[in-house]
Amino acid sequence: MFSEAFGGFPRPGALPYLTVPRAHDAIEWYTRVFEASLTAEPVVMDDGRVGHAELRFPSGMIYLADEFAELGLTAPQEGAVSVSLMLEVADTDAVLTRARLAGGSVERWINEAHGHRNATLLDPFGHRWMLVGPLTGKLPPPRE
């Protein structure tokens, strides 16, 4: 089921709303690495923090905001990831390479299993992404 109540864009009934440190940097990173795009300009609060932003991916959507500790909203602390986001991509190798070059860290290198070419990375903002793309039949690239 999809909802079009907000701005006419179809949205799933449940989607992740990430709390990140440095939301402007996170938006730039997600648009560059994952080829996401903003649906509209972020809502910026009087103190300069991003209160709400919506990013569309080729295969999904997320919301994100800066940390608001006074409301109990804080980004994941190092080593304390509680949610993994699965992202369908056209080219697992290319996305993982872009992520690494942009400061992401590889948690699980590329492999082919369960009908997909998979990899897992941690972005610079503390969130874990599980990349799934089409099988290629190629050996995984060497680990660096």
N, C-alpha and C. Protein backbone atom coordinates (compact mmCIF):
# COMPACT_ATOMS: atom_id res chain seq x y z
N MET A 1 0.84 -1.18 0.00
CA MET A 1 0.00 0.00 0.00
C MET A 1 0.89 1.24 0.00
N PHE A 2 0.54 2.21 -0.80
CA PHE A 2 1.30 3.46 -0.89
C PHE A 2 0.38 4.63 -0.56
N SER A 3 0.95 5.63 0.04
CA SER A 3 0.22 6.84 0.37
C SER A 3 0.73 7.98 -0.49
N GLU A 4 -0.17 8.78 -1.03
CA GLU A 4 0.22 9.96 -1.81
C GLU A 4 -0.22 11.23 -1.10
N ALA A 5 -0.41 11.15 0.21
CA ALA A 5 -0.94 12.28 0.97
C ALA A 5 0.01 13.46 1.01
N PHE A 6 1.30 13.24 0.88
CA PHE A 6 2.29 14.30 1.02
C PHE A 6 2.91 14.62 -0.33
N GLY A 7 2.51 15.71 -0.93
CA GLY A 7 3.16 16.19 -2.13
C GLY A 7 2.95 15.36 -3.38
N GLY A 8 2.04 14.40 -3.36
CA GLY A 8 1.75 13.62 -4.54
C GLY A 8 2.75 12.53 -4.87
N PHE A 9 3.81 12.35 -4.05
CA PHE A 9 4.77 11.29 -4.30
C PHE A 9 4.30 10.02 -3.61
N PRO A 10 4.28 8.89 -4.31
CA PRO A 10 3.91 7.64 -3.64
C PRO A 10 4.93 7.30 -2.55
N ARG A 11 4.44 6.88 -1.40
CA ARG A 11 5.30 6.49 -0.29
C ARG A 11 4.78 5.18 0.27
N PRO A 12 5.70 4.31 0.70
CA PRO A 12 5.25 3.08 1.35
C PRO A 12 4.60 3.41 2.68
N GLY A 13 3.82 2.48 3.21
CA GLY A 13 3.16 2.68 4.49
C GLY A 13 4.12 2.84 5.65
N ALA A 14 5.33 2.35 5.52
CA ALA A 14 6.37 2.52 6.54
C ALA A 14 7.68 2.83 5.82
N LEU A 15 8.40 3.83 6.32
CA LEU A 15 9.71 4.13 5.74
C LEU A 15 10.61 4.68 6.84
N PRO A 16 11.92 4.54 6.66
CA PRO A 16 12.85 4.97 7.72
C PRO A 16 12.95 6.49 7.81
N TYR A 17 13.05 6.97 9.04
CA TYR A 17 13.26 8.39 9.32
C TYR A 17 14.55 8.45 10.12
N LEU A 18 15.66 8.78 9.46
CA LEU A 18 16.98 8.72 10.08
C LEU A 18 17.30 10.00 10.83
N THR A 19 17.91 9.84 11.99
CA THR A 19 18.51 10.96 12.71
C THR A 19 20.00 10.89 12.44
N VAL A 20 20.55 12.00 11.97
CA VAL A 20 21.96 12.03 11.59
C VAL A 20 22.65 13.25 12.19
N PRO A 21 23.95 13.13 12.45
CA PRO A 21 24.71 14.34 12.75
C PRO A 21 25.01 15.03 11.41
N ARG A 22 25.01 16.34 11.36
CA ARG A 22 25.38 17.05 10.13
C ARG A 22 24.47 16.69 8.95
N ALA A 23 23.20 16.97 9.08
CA ALA A 23 22.22 16.57 8.06
C ALA A 23 22.56 17.12 6.67
N HIS A 24 23.04 18.34 6.58
CA HIS A 24 23.40 18.88 5.25
C HIS A 24 24.48 18.01 4.60
N ASP A 25 25.47 17.58 5.40
CA ASP A 25 26.52 16.69 4.87
C ASP A 25 25.94 15.34 4.48
N ALA A 26 25.01 14.82 5.29
CA ALA A 26 24.39 13.52 4.99
C ALA A 26 23.61 13.59 3.68
N ILE A 27 22.87 14.67 3.48
CA ILE A 27 22.11 14.82 2.24
C ILE A 27 23.06 14.81 1.04
N GLU A 28 24.14 15.55 1.14
CA GLU A 28 25.12 15.59 0.05
C GLU A 28 25.70 14.20 -0.20
N TRP A 29 26.02 13.47 0.87
CA TRP A 29 26.63 12.14 0.76
C TRP A 29 25.65 11.18 0.10
N TYR A 30 24.40 11.14 0.56
CA TYR A 30 23.42 10.21 0.01
C TYR A 30 23.10 10.54 -1.45
N THR A 31 23.08 11.82 -1.81
CA THR A 31 22.81 12.15 -3.21
C THR A 31 23.99 11.77 -4.10
N ARG A 32 25.20 11.96 -3.61
CA ARG A 32 26.38 11.64 -4.41
C ARG A 32 26.62 10.13 -4.49
N VAL A 33 26.55 9.43 -3.37
CA VAL A 33 26.91 8.02 -3.32
C VAL A 33 25.77 7.12 -3.80
N PHE A 34 24.56 7.37 -3.33
CA PHE A 34 23.42 6.50 -3.63
C PHE A 34 22.53 7.03 -4.75
N GLU A 35 22.91 8.17 -5.35
CA GLU A 35 22.13 8.78 -6.43
C GLU A 35 20.70 9.11 -6.00
N ALA A 36 20.55 9.52 -4.74
CA ALA A 36 19.26 9.97 -4.23
C ALA A 36 19.02 11.41 -4.68
N SER A 37 17.79 11.87 -4.55
CA SER A 37 17.47 13.26 -4.85
C SER A 37 16.48 13.78 -3.82
N LEU A 38 16.60 15.05 -3.50
CA LEU A 38 15.65 15.68 -2.58
C LEU A 38 14.31 15.84 -3.28
N THR A 39 13.21 15.58 -2.56
CA THR A 39 11.89 15.82 -3.14
C THR A 39 11.52 17.29 -3.07
N ALA A 40 12.12 18.02 -2.13
CA ALA A 40 11.92 19.46 -1.93
C ALA A 40 13.07 19.96 -1.08
N GLU A 41 13.16 21.26 -0.91
CA GLU A 41 14.20 21.80 -0.04
C GLU A 41 13.96 21.33 1.39
N PRO A 42 15.04 21.02 2.12
CA PRO A 42 14.87 20.61 3.52
C PRO A 42 14.22 21.71 4.35
N VAL A 43 13.51 21.29 5.39
CA VAL A 43 12.96 22.23 6.36
C VAL A 43 14.08 22.55 7.33
N VAL A 44 14.50 23.81 7.36
CA VAL A 44 15.60 24.23 8.22
C VAL A 44 15.02 25.06 9.37
N MET A 45 15.39 24.67 10.58
CA MET A 45 14.89 25.34 11.77
C MET A 45 15.63 26.66 11.98
N ASP A 46 15.13 27.49 12.90
CA ASP A 46 15.74 28.80 13.17
C ASP A 46 17.20 28.67 13.60
N ASP A 47 17.55 27.56 14.25
CA ASP A 47 18.94 27.38 14.71
C ASP A 47 19.85 26.78 13.65
N GLY A 48 19.32 26.57 12.43
CA GLY A 48 20.13 26.05 11.33
C GLY A 48 20.08 24.54 11.16
N ARG A 49 19.50 23.83 12.12
CA ARG A 49 19.40 22.37 11.99
C ARG A 49 18.30 22.00 11.01
N VAL A 50 18.53 20.88 10.30
CA VAL A 50 17.52 20.36 9.40
C VAL A 50 16.47 19.64 10.24
N GLY A 51 15.23 20.11 10.15
CA GLY A 51 14.14 19.48 10.87
C GLY A 51 13.49 18.35 10.09
N HIS A 52 13.60 18.41 8.76
CA HIS A 52 13.00 17.37 7.92
C HIS A 52 13.56 17.48 6.51
N ALA A 53 13.92 16.35 5.94
CA ALA A 53 14.30 16.26 4.53
C ALA A 53 13.82 14.92 4.01
N GLU A 54 13.45 14.90 2.74
CA GLU A 54 12.99 13.68 2.09
C GLU A 54 13.90 13.39 0.91
N LEU A 55 14.43 12.18 0.88
CA LEU A 55 15.30 11.76 -0.22
C LEU A 55 14.68 10.58 -0.95
N ARG A 56 14.59 10.71 -2.26
CA ARG A 56 14.11 9.61 -3.10
C ARG A 56 15.31 8.90 -3.69
N PHE A 57 15.27 7.60 -3.64
CA PHE A 57 16.27 6.73 -4.24
C PHE A 57 15.64 6.11 -5.48
N PRO A 58 16.45 5.56 -6.38
CA PRO A 58 15.84 4.88 -7.52
C PRO A 58 14.86 3.78 -7.09
N SER A 59 15.05 3.23 -5.88
CA SER A 59 14.18 2.13 -5.45
C SER A 59 13.55 2.37 -4.08
N GLY A 60 13.43 3.60 -3.63
CA GLY A 60 12.81 3.83 -2.33
C GLY A 60 12.93 5.27 -1.87
N MET A 61 12.67 5.47 -0.58
CA MET A 61 12.67 6.81 -0.02
C MET A 61 13.03 6.74 1.46
N ILE A 62 13.70 7.79 1.95
CA ILE A 62 13.92 7.95 3.39
C ILE A 62 13.62 9.39 3.77
N TYR A 63 13.34 9.58 5.05
CA TYR A 63 13.30 10.91 5.65
C TYR A 63 14.53 11.01 6.53
N LEU A 64 14.99 12.24 6.77
CA LEU A 64 16.08 12.42 7.72
C LEU A 64 16.02 13.79 8.35
N ALA A 65 16.66 13.90 9.50
CA ALA A 65 16.75 15.16 10.23
C ALA A 65 18.03 15.16 11.05
N ASP A 66 18.45 16.37 11.44
CA ASP A 66 19.57 16.49 12.36
C ASP A 66 19.18 15.94 13.73
N GLU A 67 20.17 15.81 14.58
CA GLU A 67 19.92 15.39 15.95
C GLU A 67 19.17 16.50 16.69
N PHE A 68 18.22 16.09 17.50
CA PHE A 68 17.49 16.98 18.41
C PHE A 68 17.49 16.28 19.76
N ALA A 69 18.63 16.37 20.45
CA ALA A 69 18.79 15.66 21.73
C ALA A 69 17.70 16.07 22.72
N GLU A 70 17.26 17.32 22.66
CA GLU A 70 16.23 17.78 23.58
C GLU A 70 14.89 17.06 23.37
N LEU A 71 14.74 16.40 22.22
CA LEU A 71 13.55 15.61 21.92
C LEU A 71 13.84 14.11 21.99
N GLY A 72 15.06 13.75 22.38
CA GLY A 72 15.44 12.34 22.45
C GLY A 72 15.86 11.76 21.12
N LEU A 73 16.13 12.59 20.12
CA LEU A 73 16.52 12.12 18.79
C LEU A 73 18.01 12.30 18.61
N THR A 74 18.75 11.20 18.67
CA THR A 74 20.19 11.23 18.49
C THR A 74 20.59 10.20 17.44
N ALA A 75 21.67 10.49 16.75
CA ALA A 75 22.20 9.57 15.74
C ALA A 75 22.81 8.36 16.41
N PRO A 76 22.97 7.25 15.68
CA PRO A 76 23.62 6.08 16.27
C PRO A 76 25.03 6.42 16.74
N GLN A 77 25.39 5.86 17.86
CA GLN A 77 26.75 6.01 18.37
C GLN A 77 27.61 4.92 17.76
N GLU A 78 28.89 5.14 17.68
CA GLU A 78 29.80 4.17 17.08
C GLU A 78 29.60 2.80 17.71
N GLY A 79 29.41 1.79 16.88
CA GLY A 79 29.24 0.41 17.34
C GLY A 79 27.85 0.12 17.88
N ALA A 80 26.89 1.03 17.68
CA ALA A 80 25.57 0.83 18.27
C ALA A 80 24.46 0.89 17.22
N VAL A 81 24.69 0.38 16.04
CA VAL A 81 23.67 0.40 14.99
C VAL A 81 22.57 -0.59 15.35
N SER A 82 21.32 -0.12 15.33
CA SER A 82 20.22 -1.02 15.66
C SER A 82 19.34 -1.35 14.47
N VAL A 83 19.52 -0.64 13.36
CA VAL A 83 18.71 -0.86 12.16
C VAL A 83 19.62 -0.90 10.95
N SER A 84 19.35 -1.81 10.03
CA SER A 84 20.06 -1.85 8.76
C SER A 84 19.07 -1.50 7.66
N LEU A 85 19.51 -0.70 6.71
CA LEU A 85 18.67 -0.31 5.59
C LEU A 85 19.09 -1.10 4.37
N MET A 86 18.14 -1.77 3.73
CA MET A 86 18.44 -2.51 2.51
C MET A 86 18.15 -1.59 1.34
N LEU A 87 19.12 -1.47 0.43
CA LEU A 87 18.98 -0.58 -0.72
C LEU A 87 19.23 -1.37 -1.99
N GLU A 88 18.22 -1.44 -2.85
CA GLU A 88 18.37 -2.08 -4.15
C GLU A 88 19.11 -1.12 -5.07
N VAL A 89 20.17 -1.62 -5.70
CA VAL A 89 21.00 -0.79 -6.59
C VAL A 89 21.19 -1.50 -7.92
N ALA A 90 21.51 -0.73 -8.94
CA ALA A 90 21.74 -1.31 -10.27
C ALA A 90 23.12 -1.94 -10.38
N ASP A 91 24.10 -1.42 -9.61
CA ASP A 91 25.48 -1.90 -9.71
C ASP A 91 26.12 -1.87 -8.32
N THR A 92 26.12 -3.00 -7.64
CA THR A 92 26.64 -3.09 -6.28
C THR A 92 28.09 -2.64 -6.21
N ASP A 93 28.91 -3.07 -7.15
CA ASP A 93 30.33 -2.73 -7.15
C ASP A 93 30.53 -1.22 -7.23
N ALA A 94 29.81 -0.57 -8.13
CA ALA A 94 29.97 0.88 -8.32
C ALA A 94 29.53 1.66 -7.09
N VAL A 95 28.41 1.27 -6.50
CA VAL A 95 27.93 1.99 -5.32
C VAL A 95 28.88 1.78 -4.15
N LEU A 96 29.36 0.56 -3.94
CA LEU A 96 30.30 0.31 -2.84
C LEU A 96 31.59 1.11 -3.05
N THR A 97 32.06 1.19 -4.27
CA THR A 97 33.27 1.97 -4.56
C THR A 97 33.04 3.45 -4.24
N ARG A 98 31.91 4.00 -4.70
CA ARG A 98 31.61 5.41 -4.41
C ARG A 98 31.53 5.64 -2.90
N ALA A 99 30.88 4.72 -2.20
CA ALA A 99 30.74 4.86 -0.74
C ALA A 99 32.10 4.86 -0.06
N ARG A 100 32.97 3.94 -0.44
CA ARG A 100 34.30 3.88 0.17
C ARG A 100 35.10 5.15 -0.11
N LEU A 101 35.05 5.63 -1.33
CA LEU A 101 35.79 6.84 -1.69
C LEU A 101 35.24 8.08 -0.98
N ALA A 102 33.99 8.02 -0.57
CA ALA A 102 33.35 9.15 0.11
C ALA A 102 33.35 9.00 1.63
N GLY A 103 34.12 8.05 2.15
CA GLY A 103 34.26 7.93 3.60
C GLY A 103 33.45 6.85 4.26
N GLY A 104 32.70 6.06 3.50
CA GLY A 104 31.98 4.93 4.08
C GLY A 104 32.94 3.79 4.38
N SER A 105 32.57 2.93 5.32
CA SER A 105 33.43 1.78 5.64
C SER A 105 32.70 0.48 5.33
N VAL A 106 33.43 -0.45 4.76
CA VAL A 106 32.86 -1.74 4.36
C VAL A 106 32.74 -2.64 5.58
N GLU A 107 31.55 -3.14 5.82
CA GLU A 107 31.34 -4.12 6.88
C GLU A 107 31.33 -5.54 6.33
N ARG A 108 30.84 -5.70 5.11
CA ARG A 108 30.85 -7.01 4.46
C ARG A 108 31.11 -6.77 2.98
N TRP A 109 32.16 -7.40 2.49
CA TRP A 109 32.57 -7.21 1.10
C TRP A 109 31.59 -7.88 0.15
N ILE A 110 31.71 -7.53 -1.10
CA ILE A 110 30.82 -8.04 -2.15
C ILE A 110 30.87 -9.56 -2.22
N ASN A 111 29.68 -10.13 -2.29
CA ASN A 111 29.56 -11.55 -2.57
C ASN A 111 28.25 -11.77 -3.34
N GLU A 112 28.10 -12.95 -3.88
CA GLU A 112 26.87 -13.29 -4.58
C GLU A 112 26.21 -14.43 -3.83
N ALA A 113 25.05 -14.14 -3.28
CA ALA A 113 24.30 -15.13 -2.51
C ALA A 113 22.83 -14.71 -2.48
N HIS A 114 21.97 -15.68 -2.31
CA HIS A 114 20.53 -15.43 -2.16
C HIS A 114 19.95 -14.67 -3.36
N GLY A 115 20.53 -14.91 -4.54
CA GLY A 115 19.99 -14.32 -5.76
C GLY A 115 20.38 -12.88 -6.03
N HIS A 116 21.35 -12.36 -5.26
CA HIS A 116 21.77 -10.97 -5.44
C HIS A 116 23.28 -10.84 -5.29
N ARG A 117 23.80 -9.75 -5.78
CA ARG A 117 25.19 -9.35 -5.52
C ARG A 117 25.10 -8.37 -4.34
N ASN A 118 25.67 -8.75 -3.20
CA ASN A 118 25.46 -8.06 -1.93
C ASN A 118 26.73 -7.43 -1.40
N ALA A 119 26.56 -6.41 -0.58
CA ALA A 119 27.65 -5.82 0.21
C ALA A 119 26.99 -5.02 1.33
N THR A 120 27.72 -4.81 2.41
CA THR A 120 27.20 -4.02 3.53
C THR A 120 28.21 -2.96 3.90
N LEU A 121 27.73 -1.73 4.11
CA LEU A 121 28.63 -0.64 4.48
C LEU A 121 28.02 0.19 5.60
N LEU A 122 28.88 0.91 6.28
CA LEU A 122 28.47 1.86 7.31
C LEU A 122 28.77 3.25 6.76
N ASP A 123 27.75 4.11 6.71
CA ASP A 123 27.98 5.46 6.17
C ASP A 123 28.64 6.34 7.24
N PRO A 124 29.16 7.50 6.86
CA PRO A 124 29.85 8.36 7.83
C PRO A 124 28.95 8.92 8.93
N PHE A 125 27.64 8.66 8.84
CA PHE A 125 26.69 9.21 9.80
C PHE A 125 26.15 8.14 10.74
N GLY A 126 26.75 6.93 10.67
CA GLY A 126 26.43 5.87 11.61
C GLY A 126 25.37 4.88 11.19
N HIS A 127 24.90 4.95 9.94
CA HIS A 127 23.84 4.04 9.50
C HIS A 127 24.40 2.94 8.61
N ARG A 128 23.87 1.73 8.80
CA ARG A 128 24.31 0.55 8.04
C ARG A 128 23.39 0.36 6.84
N TRP A 129 24.03 0.16 5.68
CA TRP A 129 23.32 -0.05 4.42
C TRP A 129 23.70 -1.41 3.85
N MET A 130 22.69 -2.20 3.51
CA MET A 130 22.89 -3.49 2.85
C MET A 130 22.54 -3.29 1.38
N LEU A 131 23.54 -3.33 0.52
CA LEU A 131 23.34 -3.14 -0.92
C LEU A 131 22.97 -4.47 -1.55
N VAL A 132 21.95 -4.47 -2.39
CA VAL A 132 21.58 -5.67 -3.15
C VAL A 132 21.40 -5.26 -4.61
N GLY A 133 22.11 -5.95 -5.48
CA GLY A 133 22.02 -5.67 -6.90
C GLY A 133 21.92 -6.96 -7.68
N PRO A 134 21.83 -6.86 -8.99
CA PRO A 134 21.72 -8.05 -9.82
C PRO A 134 23.01 -8.87 -9.80
N LEU A 135 22.84 -10.17 -9.94
CA LEU A 135 23.98 -11.08 -10.05
C LEU A 135 24.78 -10.73 -11.30
N THR A 136 26.10 -10.89 -11.21
CA THR A 136 26.95 -10.65 -12.37
C THR A 136 27.69 -11.91 -12.80
N GLY A 137 27.84 -12.86 -11.88
CA GLY A 137 28.62 -14.06 -12.17
C GLY A 137 30.11 -13.82 -12.09
N LYS A 138 30.52 -12.57 -11.80
CA LYS A 138 31.94 -12.24 -11.69
C LYS A 138 32.41 -12.47 -10.26
N LEU A 139 33.70 -12.77 -10.15
CA LEU A 139 34.29 -12.86 -8.82
C LEU A 139 34.26 -11.50 -8.16
N PRO A 140 34.10 -11.47 -6.84
CA PRO A 140 34.16 -10.18 -6.16
C PRO A 140 35.52 -9.52 -6.38
N PRO A 141 35.56 -8.19 -6.43
CA PRO A 141 36.84 -7.50 -6.61
C PRO A 141 37.74 -7.73 -5.40
N PRO A 142 39.05 -7.58 -5.56
CA PRO A 142 39.95 -7.76 -4.42
C PRO A 142 39.66 -6.74 -3.33
N ARG A 143 39.84 -7.17 -2.10
CA ARG A 143 39.63 -6.27 -0.95
C ARG A 143 40.84 -5.38 -0.79
N GLU A 144 40.57 -4.14 -0.47
CA GLU A 144 41.67 -3.18 -0.28
C GLU A 144 41.81 -2.85 1.18
